Structure formats: structure tokens, C-alpha cells
Amino acid sequence: MIVMMIASAIYAASFQTAAADGARTALRTCIKAASADAKGQKVANDAFPAFVRQKCSAQETSFKSAVWAFDSKNKVSKKQSESDSEFQVDDFVTSAADRYASDNAPQ
């Protein structure tokens, strides 16, 4: 009986993690597509983060919701979860902006 409960808990945790990972992957895929769009539209380096956030707002919202769903099951406060997910989104966008600026640097 205990083994069955532990197995169920592990299965549930892996499903919750998969949901967050799927949302993270969707967000990163959107950021890559937005980077290609930005290059085609010749978006200025300083306007790139806003461009990406506008293009990927739905994926960003889904990601934050998935992180909250996972964190709430693990007794993480909503405030901390929001902070953590915003930090991750900022990191993704900043990394993409750095790559974008590097790729578009005059040579």
C-alpha cells in the first residue's frame, strides 16, 4: 500500500514537472521564433526585449501559470513563485537579447 502511494506521488510529480517543462519549452521556442522575426524586421537591439515579450506574451503567461501550479503543490508562496517565474522569463529574454545583439553587431 505504501509503495503504491509513493509510486503515485512520484508519477504526479513527474506529470507536474512535465507541464512546467512543456510550458518552458513553448516559451523558449517562441523566443527563438521572435528572434528570427526581429532580425527580419530589423528591430533595434534596445527594442528587442519588448518585441519578444509582446510576441510571446501568451507563452509567458502559460509558463508562469505552470510554474505556479507546480509550486503551489510544493507549498511555495504565490509571491515567491511569481518572483521565480519572472526571474526565469527575464533570464530567457536577456539571454536572447544578448545573442541578438551579438549576431547583429557590425563587423
PDB file of N, CA and C in Angstrom:
ATOM      1  N   MET A   1       0.820  -1.191   0.000  1.00  0.00           N
ATOM      2  CA  MET A   1       0.000   0.000   0.000  1.00  0.00           C
ATOM      3  C   MET A   1       0.867   1.258   0.000  1.00  0.00           C
ATOM      4  N   ILE A   2       1.866   1.273   0.851  1.00  0.00           N
ATOM      5  CA  ILE A   2       2.751   2.440   0.915  1.00  0.00           C
ATOM      6  C   ILE A   2       3.513   2.592  -0.396  1.00  0.00           C
ATOM      7  N   VAL A   3       3.932   1.482  -0.965  1.00  0.00           N
ATOM      8  CA  VAL A   3       4.644   1.536  -2.238  1.00  0.00           C
ATOM      9  C   VAL A   3       3.755   2.153  -3.316  1.00  0.00           C
ATOM     10  N   MET A   4       2.485   1.796  -3.308  1.00  0.00           N
ATOM     11  CA  MET A   4       1.537   2.341  -4.284  1.00  0.00           C
ATOM     12  C   MET A   4       1.377   3.851  -4.098  1.00  0.00           C
ATOM     13  N   MET A   5       1.330   4.320  -2.867  1.00  0.00           N
ATOM     14  CA  MET A   5       1.205   5.756  -2.594  1.00  0.00           C
ATOM     15  C   MET A   5       2.454   6.494  -3.045  1.00  0.00           C
ATOM     16  N   ILE A   6       3.612   5.926  -2.778  1.00  0.00           N
ATOM     17  CA  ILE A   6       4.864   6.565  -3.190  1.00  0.00           C
ATOM     18  C   ILE A   6       4.944   6.617  -4.712  1.00  0.00           C
ATOM     19  N   ALA A   7       4.584   5.531  -5.359  1.00  0.00           N
ATOM     20  CA  ALA A   7       4.600   5.500  -6.821  1.00  0.00           C
ATOM     21  C   ALA A   7       3.636   6.531  -7.398  1.00  0.00           C
ATOM     22  N   SER A   8       2.474   6.675  -6.790  1.00  0.00           N
ATOM     23  CA  SER A   8       1.502   7.672  -7.246  1.00  0.00           C
ATOM     24  C   SER A   8       2.043   9.085  -7.072  1.00  0.00           C
ATOM     25  N   ALA A   9       2.707   9.334  -5.963  1.00  0.00           N
ATOM     26  CA  ALA A   9       3.281  10.658  -5.713  1.00  0.00           C
ATOM     27  C   ALA A   9       4.376  10.975  -6.723  1.00  0.00           C
ATOM     28  N   ILE A  10       5.213  10.001  -7.016  1.00  0.00           N
ATOM     29  CA  ILE A  10       6.282  10.206  -7.996  1.00  0.00           C
ATOM     30  C   ILE A  10       5.683  10.469  -9.376  1.00  0.00           C
ATOM     31  N   TYR A  11       4.665   9.700  -9.738  1.00  0.00           N
ATOM     32  CA  TYR A  11       4.005   9.889 -11.029  1.00  0.00           C
ATOM     33  C   TYR A  11       3.390  11.285 -11.120  1.00  0.00           C
ATOM     34  N   ALA A  12       2.713  11.706 -10.073  1.00  0.00           N
ATOM     35  CA  ALA A  12       2.080  13.030 -10.061  1.00  0.00           C
ATOM     36  C   ALA A  12       3.128  14.130 -10.167  1.00  0.00           C
ATOM     37  N   ALA A  13       4.236  13.979  -9.456  1.00  0.00           N
ATOM     38  CA  ALA A  13       5.303  14.981  -9.505  1.00  0.00           C
ATOM     39  C   ALA A  13       5.908  15.053 -10.901  1.00  0.00           C
ATOM     40  N   SER A  14       6.098  13.905 -11.534  1.00  0.00           N
ATOM     41  CA  SER A  14       6.676  13.922 -12.878  1.00  0.00           C
ATOM     42  C   SER A  14       5.716  14.567 -13.875  1.00  0.00           C
ATOM     43  N   PHE A  15       4.414  14.362 -13.703  1.00  0.00           N
ATOM     44  CA  PHE A  15       3.435  14.996 -14.582  1.00  0.00           C
ATOM     45  C   PHE A  15       3.456  16.509 -14.399  1.00  0.00           C
ATOM     46  N   GLN A  16       3.507  16.964 -13.147  1.00  0.00           N
ATOM     47  CA  GLN A  16       3.538  18.403 -12.877  1.00  0.00           C
ATOM     48  C   GLN A  16       4.806  19.020 -13.443  1.00  0.00           C
ATOM     49  N   THR A  17       5.926  18.325 -13.281  1.00  0.00           N
ATOM     50  CA  THR A  17       7.179  18.818 -13.826  1.00  0.00           C
ATOM     51  C   THR A  17       7.103  18.864 -15.346  1.00  0.00           C
ATOM     52  N   ALA A  18       6.495  17.860 -15.948  1.00  0.00           N
ATOM     53  CA  ALA A  18       6.359  17.825 -17.402  1.00  0.00           C
ATOM     54  C   ALA A  18       5.527  19.006 -17.906  1.00  0.00           C
ATOM     55  N   ALA A  19       4.494  19.373 -17.167  1.00  0.00           N
ATOM     56  CA  ALA A  19       3.671  20.518 -17.566  1.00  0.00           C
ATOM     57  C   ALA A  19       4.493  21.802 -17.548  1.00  0.00           C
ATOM     58  N   ALA A  20       5.279  21.995 -16.500  1.00  0.00           N
ATOM     59  CA  ALA A  20       6.127  23.187 -16.412  1.00  0.00           C
ATOM     60  C   ALA A  20       7.203  23.155 -17.491  1.00  0.00           C
ATOM     61  N   ASP A  21       7.780  21.980 -17.731  1.00  0.00           N
ATOM     62  CA  ASP A  21       8.803  21.865 -18.772  1.00  0.00           C
ATOM     63  C   ASP A  21       8.217  22.129 -20.155  1.00  0.00           C
ATOM     64  N   GLY A  22       7.009  21.642 -20.391  1.00  0.00           N
ATOM     65  CA  GLY A  22       6.357  21.888 -21.676  1.00  0.00           C
ATOM     66  C   GLY A  22       6.101  23.368 -21.906  1.00  0.00           C
ATOM     67  N   ALA A  23       5.657  24.055 -20.870  1.00  0.00           N
ATOM     68  CA  ALA A  23       5.414  25.498 -20.973  1.00  0.00           C
ATOM     69  C   ALA A  23       6.730  26.251 -21.169  1.00  0.00           C
ATOM     70  N   ARG A  24       7.777  25.795 -20.496  1.00  0.00           N
ATOM     71  CA  ARG A  24       9.103  26.412 -20.641  1.00  0.00           C
ATOM     72  C   ARG A  24       9.610  26.223 -22.071  1.00  0.00           C
ATOM     73  N   THR A  25       9.450  25.035 -22.597  1.00  0.00           N
ATOM     74  CA  THR A  25       9.881  24.751 -23.965  1.00  0.00           C
ATOM     75  C   THR A  25       9.101  25.599 -24.964  1.00  0.00           C
ATOM     76  N   ALA A  26       7.802  25.728 -24.760  1.00  0.00           N
ATOM     77  CA  ALA A  26       6.981  26.559 -25.648  1.00  0.00           C
ATOM     78  C   ALA A  26       7.438  28.015 -25.613  1.00  0.00           C
ATOM     79  N   LEU A  27       7.759  28.512 -24.432  1.00  0.00           N
ATOM     80  CA  LEU A  27       8.233  29.894 -24.302  1.00  0.00           C
ATOM     81  C   LEU A  27       9.568  30.071 -25.018  1.00  0.00           C
ATOM     82  N   ARG A  28      10.493  29.157 -24.800  1.00  0.00           N
ATOM     83  CA  ARG A  28      11.809  29.278 -25.438  1.00  0.00           C
ATOM     84  C   ARG A  28      11.697  29.155 -26.957  1.00  0.00           C
ATOM     85  N   THR A  29      10.803  28.293 -27.434  1.00  0.00           N
ATOM     86  CA  THR A  29      10.578  28.158 -28.876  1.00  0.00           C
ATOM     87  C   THR A  29      10.021  29.461 -29.445  1.00  0.00           C
ATOM     88  N   CYS A  30       9.096  30.068 -28.724  1.00  0.00           N
ATOM     89  CA  CYS A  30       8.529  31.345 -29.157  1.00  0.00           C
ATOM     90  C   CYS A  30       9.604  32.434 -29.199  1.00  0.00           C
ATOM     91  N   ILE A  31      10.460  32.453 -28.194  1.00  0.00           N
ATOM     92  CA  ILE A  31      11.529  33.459 -28.157  1.00  0.00           C
ATOM     93  C   ILE A  31      12.458  33.289 -29.358  1.00  0.00           C
ATOM     94  N   LYS A  32      12.771  32.049 -29.706  1.00  0.00           N
ATOM     95  CA  LYS A  32      13.621  31.808 -30.884  1.00  0.00           C
ATOM     96  C   LYS A  32      12.935  32.288 -32.159  1.00  0.00           C
ATOM     97  N   ALA A  33      11.637  32.006 -32.282  1.00  0.00           N
ATOM     98  CA  ALA A  33      10.891  32.453 -33.461  1.00  0.00           C
ATOM     99  C   ALA A  33      10.808  33.980 -33.497  1.00  0.00           C
ATOM    100  N   ALA A  34      10.597  34.592 -32.344  1.00  0.00           N
ATOM    101  CA  ALA A  34      10.537  36.055 -32.273  1.00  0.00           C
ATOM    102  C   ALA A  34      11.887  36.665 -32.628  1.00  0.00           C
ATOM    103  N   SER A  35      12.972  35.998 -32.263  1.00  0.00           N
ATOM    104  CA  SER A  35      14.311  36.480 -32.627  1.00  0.00           C
ATOM    105  C   SER A  35      14.474  36.507 -34.141  1.00  0.00           C
ATOM    106  N   ALA A  36      14.006  35.455 -34.791  1.00  0.00           N
ATOM    107  CA  ALA A  36      14.082  35.409 -36.253  1.00  0.00           C
ATOM    108  C   ALA A  36      13.210  36.504 -36.871  1.00  0.00           C
ATOM    109  N   ASP A  37      12.016  36.703 -36.318  1.00  0.00           N
ATOM    110  CA  ASP A  37      11.138  37.773 -36.802  1.00  0.00           C
ATOM    111  C   ASP A  37      11.787  39.141 -36.608  1.00  0.00           C
ATOM    112  N   ALA A  38      12.399  39.336 -35.449  1.00  0.00           N
ATOM    113  CA  ALA A  38      13.042  40.616 -35.145  1.00  0.00           C
ATOM    114  C   ALA A  38      14.166  40.902 -36.127  1.00  0.00           C
ATOM    115  N   LYS A  39      14.920  39.872 -36.448  1.00  0.00           N
ATOM    116  CA  LYS A  39      16.012  40.054 -37.405  1.00  0.00           C
ATOM    117  C   LYS A  39      15.459  40.434 -38.774  1.00  0.00           C
ATOM    118  N   GLY A  40      14.384  39.777 -39.185  1.00  0.00           N
ATOM    119  CA  GLY A  40      13.763  40.087 -40.470  1.00  0.00           C
ATOM    120  C   GLY A  40      13.180  41.488 -40.520  1.00  0.00           C
ATOM    121  N   GLN A  41      12.669  41.947 -39.385  1.00  0.00           N
ATOM    122  CA  GLN A  41      12.081  43.286 -39.316  1.00  0.00           C
ATOM    123  C   GLN A  41      13.102  44.350 -38.915  1.00  0.00           C
ATOM    124  N   LYS A  42      14.333  43.932 -38.708  1.00  0.00           N
ATOM    125  CA  LYS A  42      15.429  44.836 -38.324  1.00  0.00           C
ATOM    126  C   LYS A  42      15.091  45.635 -37.068  1.00  0.00           C
ATOM    127  N   VAL A  43      14.619  44.913 -36.051  1.00  0.00           N
ATOM    128  CA  VAL A  43      14.300  45.532 -34.761  1.00  0.00           C
ATOM    129  C   VAL A  43      15.609  45.962 -34.105  1.00  0.00           C
ATOM    130  N   ALA A  44      15.631  47.173 -33.559  1.00  0.00           N
ATOM    131  CA  ALA A  44      16.826  47.673 -32.878  1.00  0.00           C
ATOM    132  C   ALA A  44      17.116  46.825 -31.640  1.00  0.00           C
ATOM    133  N   ASN A  45      18.392  46.732 -31.289  1.00  0.00           N
ATOM    134  CA  ASN A  45      18.804  45.923 -30.134  1.00  0.00           C
ATOM    135  C   ASN A  45      18.079  46.321 -28.855  1.00  0.00           C
ATOM    136  N   ASP A  46      17.928  47.629 -28.625  1.00  0.00           N
ATOM    137  CA  ASP A  46      17.290  48.075 -27.379  1.00  0.00           C
ATOM    138  C   ASP A  46      15.778  47.829 -27.372  1.00  0.00           C
ATOM    139  N   ALA A  47      15.176  47.643 -28.540  1.00  0.00           N
ATOM    140  CA  ALA A  47      13.739  47.365 -28.624  1.00  0.00           C
ATOM    141  C   ALA A  47      13.439  45.864 -28.625  1.00  0.00           C
ATOM    142  N   PHE A  48      14.480  45.059 -28.709  1.00  0.00           N
ATOM    143  CA  PHE A  48      14.294  43.612 -28.819  1.00  0.00           C
ATOM    144  C   PHE A  48      13.552  42.985 -27.635  1.00  0.00           C
ATOM    145  N   PRO A  49      13.920  43.277 -26.377  1.00  0.00           N
ATOM    146  CA  PRO A  49      13.197  42.637 -25.259  1.00  0.00           C
ATOM    147  C   PRO A  49      11.689  42.906 -25.282  1.00  0.00           C
ATOM    148  N   ALA A  50      11.301  44.138 -25.553  1.00  0.00           N
ATOM    149  CA  ALA A  50       9.872  44.469 -25.611  1.00  0.00           C
ATOM    150  C   ALA A  50       9.201  43.753 -26.781  1.00  0.00           C
ATOM    151  N   PHE A  51       9.901  43.660 -27.899  1.00  0.00           N
ATOM    152  CA  PHE A  51       9.377  42.963 -29.071  1.00  0.00           C
ATOM    153  C   PHE A  51       9.108  41.495 -28.738  1.00  0.00           C
ATOM    154  N   VAL A  52      10.064  40.852 -28.086  1.00  0.00           N
ATOM    155  CA  VAL A  52       9.924  39.434 -27.729  1.00  0.00           C
ATOM    156  C   VAL A  52       8.793  39.241 -26.726  1.00  0.00           C
ATOM    157  N   ARG A  53       8.747  40.081 -25.704  1.00  0.00           N
ATOM    158  CA  ARG A  53       7.692  39.938 -24.689  1.00  0.00           C
ATOM    159  C   ARG A  53       6.303  40.137 -25.300  1.00  0.00           C
ATOM    160  N   GLN A  54       6.193  41.044 -26.264  1.00  0.00           N
ATOM    161  CA  GLN A  54       4.901  41.259 -26.923  1.00  0.00           C
ATOM    162  C   GLN A  54       4.529  40.042 -27.764  1.00  0.00           C
ATOM    163  N   LYS A  55       5.485  39.519 -28.511  1.00  0.00           N
ATOM    164  CA  LYS A  55       5.230  38.359 -29.374  1.00  0.00           C
ATOM    165  C   LYS A  55       4.916  37.097 -28.572  1.00  0.00           C
ATOM    166  N   CYS A  56       5.521  36.950 -27.404  1.00  0.00           N
ATOM    167  CA  CYS A  56       5.425  35.704 -26.631  1.00  0.00           C
ATOM    168  C   CYS A  56       4.624  35.868 -25.345  1.00  0.00           C
ATOM    169  N   SER A  57       3.749  36.849 -25.293  1.00  0.00           N
ATOM    170  CA  SER A  57       3.013  37.099 -24.045  1.00  0.00           C
ATOM    171  C   SER A  57       2.132  35.916 -23.646  1.00  0.00           C
ATOM    172  N   ALA A  58       1.519  35.245 -24.602  1.00  0.00           N
ATOM    173  CA  ALA A  58       0.666  34.091 -24.271  1.00  0.00           C
ATOM    174  C   ALA A  58       1.493  32.949 -23.688  1.00  0.00           C
ATOM    175  N   GLN A  59       2.659  32.687 -24.274  1.00  0.00           N
ATOM    176  CA  GLN A  59       3.528  31.620 -23.773  1.00  0.00           C
ATOM    177  C   GLN A  59       4.109  31.984 -22.412  1.00  0.00           C
ATOM    178  N   GLU A  60       4.396  33.268 -22.217  1.00  0.00           N
ATOM    179  CA  GLU A  60       4.905  33.724 -20.920  1.00  0.00           C
ATOM    180  C   GLU A  60       3.854  33.501 -19.831  1.00  0.00           C
ATOM    181  N   THR A  61       2.614  33.845 -20.135  1.00  0.00           N
ATOM    182  CA  THR A  61       1.526  33.649 -19.175  1.00  0.00           C
ATOM    183  C   THR A  61       1.332  32.167 -18.868  1.00  0.00           C
ATOM    184  N   SER A  62       1.374  31.336 -19.894  1.00  0.00           N
ATOM    185  CA  SER A  62       1.231  29.886 -19.693  1.00  0.00           C
ATOM    186  C   SER A  62       2.363  29.335 -18.842  1.00  0.00           C
ATOM    187  N   PHE A  63       3.568  29.813 -19.092  1.00  0.00           N
ATOM    188  CA  PHE A  63       4.720  29.361 -18.314  1.00  0.00           C
ATOM    189  C   PHE A  63       4.570  29.744 -16.847  1.00  0.00           C
ATOM    190  N   LYS A  64       4.203  30.989 -16.601  1.00  0.00           N
ATOM    191  CA  LYS A  64       4.038  31.440 -15.215  1.00  0.00           C
ATOM    192  C   LYS A  64       2.933  30.658 -14.513  1.00  0.00           C
ATOM    193  N   SER A  65       1.867  30.356 -15.228  1.00  0.00           N
ATOM    194  CA  SER A  65       0.778  29.559 -14.646  1.00  0.00           C
ATOM    195  C   SER A  65       1.241  28.145 -14.328  1.00  0.00           C
ATOM    196  N   ALA A  66       2.020  27.558 -15.223  1.00  0.00           N
ATOM    197  CA  ALA A  66       2.521  26.198 -14.994  1.00  0.00           C
ATOM    198  C   ALA A  66       3.480  26.163 -13.813  1.00  0.00           C
ATOM    199  N   VAL A  67       4.321  27.177 -13.695  1.00  0.00           N
ATOM    200  CA  VAL A  67       5.242  27.238 -12.553  1.00  0.00           C
ATOM    201  C   VAL A  67       4.447  27.375 -11.263  1.00  0.00           C
ATOM    202  N   TRP A  68       3.424  28.225 -11.275  1.00  0.00           N
ATOM    203  CA  TRP A  68       2.606  28.388 -10.072  1.00  0.00           C
ATOM    204  C   TRP A  68       1.885  27.089  -9.725  1.00  0.00           C
ATOM    205  N   ALA A  69       1.365  26.401 -10.720  1.00  0.00           N
ATOM    206  CA  ALA A  69       0.673  25.125 -10.462  1.00  0.00           C
ATOM    207  C   ALA A  69       1.620  24.125  -9.810  1.00  0.00           C
ATOM    208  N   PHE A  70       2.841  24.077 -10.294  1.00  0.00           N
ATOM    209  CA  PHE A  70       3.837  23.173  -9.711  1.00  0.00           C
ATOM    210  C   PHE A  70       4.233  23.630  -8.312  1.00  0.00           C
ATOM    211  N   ASP A  71       4.530  24.921  -8.183  1.00  0.00           N
ATOM    212  CA  ASP A  71       4.985  25.448  -6.891  1.00  0.00           C
ATOM    213  C   ASP A  71       3.909  25.353  -5.818  1.00  0.00           C
ATOM    214  N   SER A  72       2.666  25.584  -6.184  1.00  0.00           N
ATOM    215  CA  SER A  72       1.596  25.547  -5.179  1.00  0.00           C
ATOM    216  C   SER A  72       1.453  24.155  -4.577  1.00  0.00           C
ATOM    217  N   LYS A  73       1.709  23.135  -5.366  1.00  0.00           N
ATOM    218  CA  LYS A  73       1.660  21.760  -4.853  1.00  0.00           C
ATOM    219  C   LYS A  73       2.818  21.482  -3.897  1.00  0.00           C
ATOM    220  N   ASN A  74       3.870  22.278  -4.019  1.00  0.00           N
ATOM    221  CA  ASN A  74       5.055  22.103  -3.182  1.00  0.00           C
ATOM    222  C   ASN A  74       5.141  23.146  -2.075  1.00  0.00           C
ATOM    223  N   LYS A  75       4.009  23.786  -1.782  1.00  0.00           N
ATOM    224  CA  LYS A  75       3.891  24.727  -0.662  1.00  0.00           C
ATOM    225  C   LYS A  75       4.768  25.974  -0.810  1.00  0.00           C
ATOM    226  N   VAL A  76       4.988  26.393  -2.048  1.00  0.00           N
ATOM    227  CA  VAL A  76       5.720  27.631  -2.301  1.00  0.00           C
ATOM    228  C   VAL A  76       4.691  28.755  -2.361  1.00  0.00           C
ATOM    229  N   SER A  77       5.008  29.890  -1.757  1.00  0.00           N
ATOM    230  CA  SER A  77       4.059  31.003  -1.750  1.00  0.00           C
ATOM    231  C   SER A  77       3.871  31.551  -3.162  1.00  0.00           C
ATOM    232  N   LYS A  78       2.711  32.128  -3.405  1.00  0.00           N
ATOM    233  CA  LYS A  78       2.409  32.714  -4.721  1.00  0.00           C
ATOM    234  C   LYS A  78       3.406  33.826  -5.047  1.00  0.00           C
ATOM    235  N   LYS A  79       3.723  34.646  -4.059  1.00  0.00           N
ATOM    236  CA  LYS A  79       4.663  35.749  -4.271  1.00  0.00           C
ATOM    237  C   LYS A  79       6.030  35.214  -4.702  1.00  0.00           C
ATOM    238  N   GLN A  80       6.512  34.189  -4.024  1.00  0.00           N
ATOM    239  CA  GLN A  80       7.812  33.604  -4.366  1.00  0.00           C
ATOM    240  C   GLN A  80       7.766  32.947  -5.739  1.00  0.00           C
ATOM    241  N   SER A  81       6.684  32.250  -6.036  1.00  0.00           N
ATOM    242  CA  SER A  81       6.536  31.592  -7.331  1.00  0.00           C
ATOM    243  C   SER A  81       6.528  32.617  -8.465  1.00  0.00           C
ATOM    244  N   GLU A  82       5.791  33.706  -8.279  1.00  0.00           N
ATOM    245  CA  GLU A  82       5.748  34.763  -9.294  1.00  0.00           C
ATOM    246  C   GLU A  82       7.124  35.381  -9.495  1.00  0.00           C
ATOM    247  N   SER A  83       7.824  35.603  -8.399  1.00  0.00           N
ATOM    248  CA  SER A  83       9.172  36.159  -8.474  1.00  0.00           C
ATOM    249  C   SER A  83      10.109  35.213  -9.228  1.00  0.00           C
ATOM    250  N   ASP A  84      10.036  33.934  -8.894  1.00  0.00           N
ATOM    251  CA  ASP A  84      10.893  32.943  -9.545  1.00  0.00           C
ATOM    252  C   ASP A  84      10.599  32.838 -11.038  1.00  0.00           C
ATOM    253  N   SER A  85       9.329  32.785 -11.391  1.00  0.00           N
ATOM    254  CA  SER A  85       8.983  32.644 -12.806  1.00  0.00           C
ATOM    255  C   SER A  85       9.344  33.907 -13.587  1.00  0.00           C
ATOM    256  N   GLU A  86       9.160  35.075 -12.983  1.00  0.00           N
ATOM    257  CA  GLU A  86       9.547  36.326 -13.650  1.00  0.00           C
ATOM    258  C   GLU A  86      11.059  36.373 -13.859  1.00  0.00           C
ATOM    259  N   PHE A  87      11.808  35.902 -12.862  1.00  0.00           N
ATOM    260  CA  PHE A  87      13.265  35.845 -12.981  1.00  0.00           C
ATOM    261  C   PHE A  87      13.664  34.940 -14.146  1.00  0.00           C
ATOM    262  N   GLN A  88      13.011  33.794 -14.273  1.00  0.00           N
ATOM    263  CA  GLN A  88      13.333  32.877 -15.365  1.00  0.00           C
ATOM    264  C   GLN A  88      13.006  33.494 -16.722  1.00  0.00           C
ATOM    265  N   VAL A  89      11.848  34.140 -16.827  1.00  0.00           N
ATOM    266  CA  VAL A  89      11.473  34.784 -18.087  1.00  0.00           C
ATOM    267  C   VAL A  89      12.477  35.887 -18.420  1.00  0.00           C
ATOM    268  N   ASP A  90      12.824  36.703 -17.433  1.00  0.00           N
ATOM    269  CA  ASP A  90      13.822  37.756 -17.654  1.00  0.00           C
ATOM    270  C   ASP A  90      15.136  37.166 -18.145  1.00  0.00           C
ATOM    271  N   ASP A  91      15.536  36.042 -17.554  1.00  0.00           N
ATOM    272  CA  ASP A  91      16.778  35.389 -17.953  1.00  0.00           C
ATOM    273  C   ASP A  91      16.701  34.910 -19.402  1.00  0.00           C
ATOM    274  N   PHE A  92      15.584  34.298 -19.780  1.00  0.00           N
ATOM    275  CA  PHE A  92      15.419  33.835 -21.161  1.00  0.00           C
ATOM    276  C   PHE A  92      15.490  35.005 -22.139  1.00  0.00           C
ATOM    277  N   VAL A  93      14.784  36.082 -21.815  1.00  0.00           N
ATOM    278  CA  VAL A  93      14.735  37.244 -22.713  1.00  0.00           C
ATOM    279  C   VAL A  93      16.094  37.940 -22.771  1.00  0.00           C
ATOM    280  N   THR A  94      16.753  38.088 -21.628  1.00  0.00           N
ATOM    281  CA  THR A  94      18.071  38.725 -21.598  1.00  0.00           C
ATOM    282  C   THR A  94      19.089  37.919 -22.395  1.00  0.00           C
ATOM    283  N   SER A  95      19.068  36.612 -22.234  1.00  0.00           N
ATOM    284  CA  SER A  95      19.981  35.752 -22.996  1.00  0.00           C
ATOM    285  C   SER A  95      19.724  35.883 -24.491  1.00  0.00           C
ATOM    286  N   ALA A  96      18.455  35.893 -24.871  1.00  0.00           N
ATOM    287  CA  ALA A  96      18.107  36.041 -26.283  1.00  0.00           C
ATOM    288  C   ALA A  96      18.524  37.419 -26.800  1.00  0.00           C
ATOM    289  N   ALA A  97      18.349  38.451 -25.982  1.00  0.00           N
ATOM    290  CA  ALA A  97      18.737  39.807 -26.384  1.00  0.00           C
ATOM    291  C   ALA A  97      20.249  39.904 -26.568  1.00  0.00           C
ATOM    292  N   ASP A  98      20.995  39.266 -25.688  1.00  0.00           N
ATOM    293  CA  ASP A  98      22.457  39.266 -25.823  1.00  0.00           C
ATOM    294  C   ASP A  98      22.882  38.570 -27.117  1.00  0.00           C
ATOM    295  N   ARG A  99      22.261  37.428 -27.414  1.00  0.00           N
ATOM    296  CA  ARG A  99      22.580  36.717 -28.662  1.00  0.00           C
ATOM    297  C   ARG A  99      22.183  37.558 -29.877  1.00  0.00           C
ATOM    298  N   TYR A 100      21.018  38.189 -29.785  1.00  0.00           N
ATOM    299  CA  TYR A 100      20.534  39.022 -30.886  1.00  0.00           C
ATOM    300  C   TYR A 100      21.505  40.176 -31.144  1.00  0.00           C
ATOM    301  N   ALA A 101      21.932  40.838 -30.088  1.00  0.00           N
ATOM    302  CA  ALA A 101      22.871  41.957 -30.232  1.00  0.00           C
ATOM    303  C   ALA A 101      24.202  41.473 -30.797  1.00  0.00           C
ATOM    304  N   SER A 102      24.646  40.318 -30.338  1.00  0.00           N
ATOM    305  CA  SER A 102      25.904  39.756 -30.824  1.00  0.00           C
ATOM    306  C   SER A 102      25.813  39.394 -32.307  1.00  0.00           C
ATOM    307  N   ASP A 103      24.697  38.801 -32.694  1.00  0.00           N
ATOM    308  CA  ASP A 103      24.507  38.412 -34.095  1.00  0.00           C
ATOM    309  C   ASP A 103      24.376  39.616 -35.015  1.00  0.00           C
ATOM    310  N   ASN A 104      23.900  40.737 -34.481  1.00  0.00           N
ATOM    311  CA  ASN A 104      23.674  41.928 -35.294  1.00  0.00           C
ATOM    312  C   ASN A 104      24.744  42.993 -35.118  1.00  0.00           C
ATOM    313  N   ALA A 105      25.825  42.642 -34.447  1.00  0.00           N
ATOM    314  CA  ALA A 105      26.904  43.612 -34.234  1.00  0.00           C
ATOM    315  C   ALA A 105      27.614  43.883 -35.562  1.00  0.00           C
ATOM    316  N   PRO A 106      27.959  45.146 -35.800  1.00  0.00           N
ATOM    317  CA  PRO A 106      28.698  45.467 -37.027  1.00  0.00           C
ATOM    318  C   PRO A 106      30.078  44.804 -36.997  1.00  0.00           C
ATOM    319  N   GLN A 107      30.473  44.323 -38.151  1.00  0.00           N
ATOM    320  CA  GLN A 107      31.768  43.626 -38.197  1.00  0.00           C
ATOM    321  C   GLN A 107      32.769  44.352 -39.019  1.00  0.00           C
TER     322      GLN A 107
END
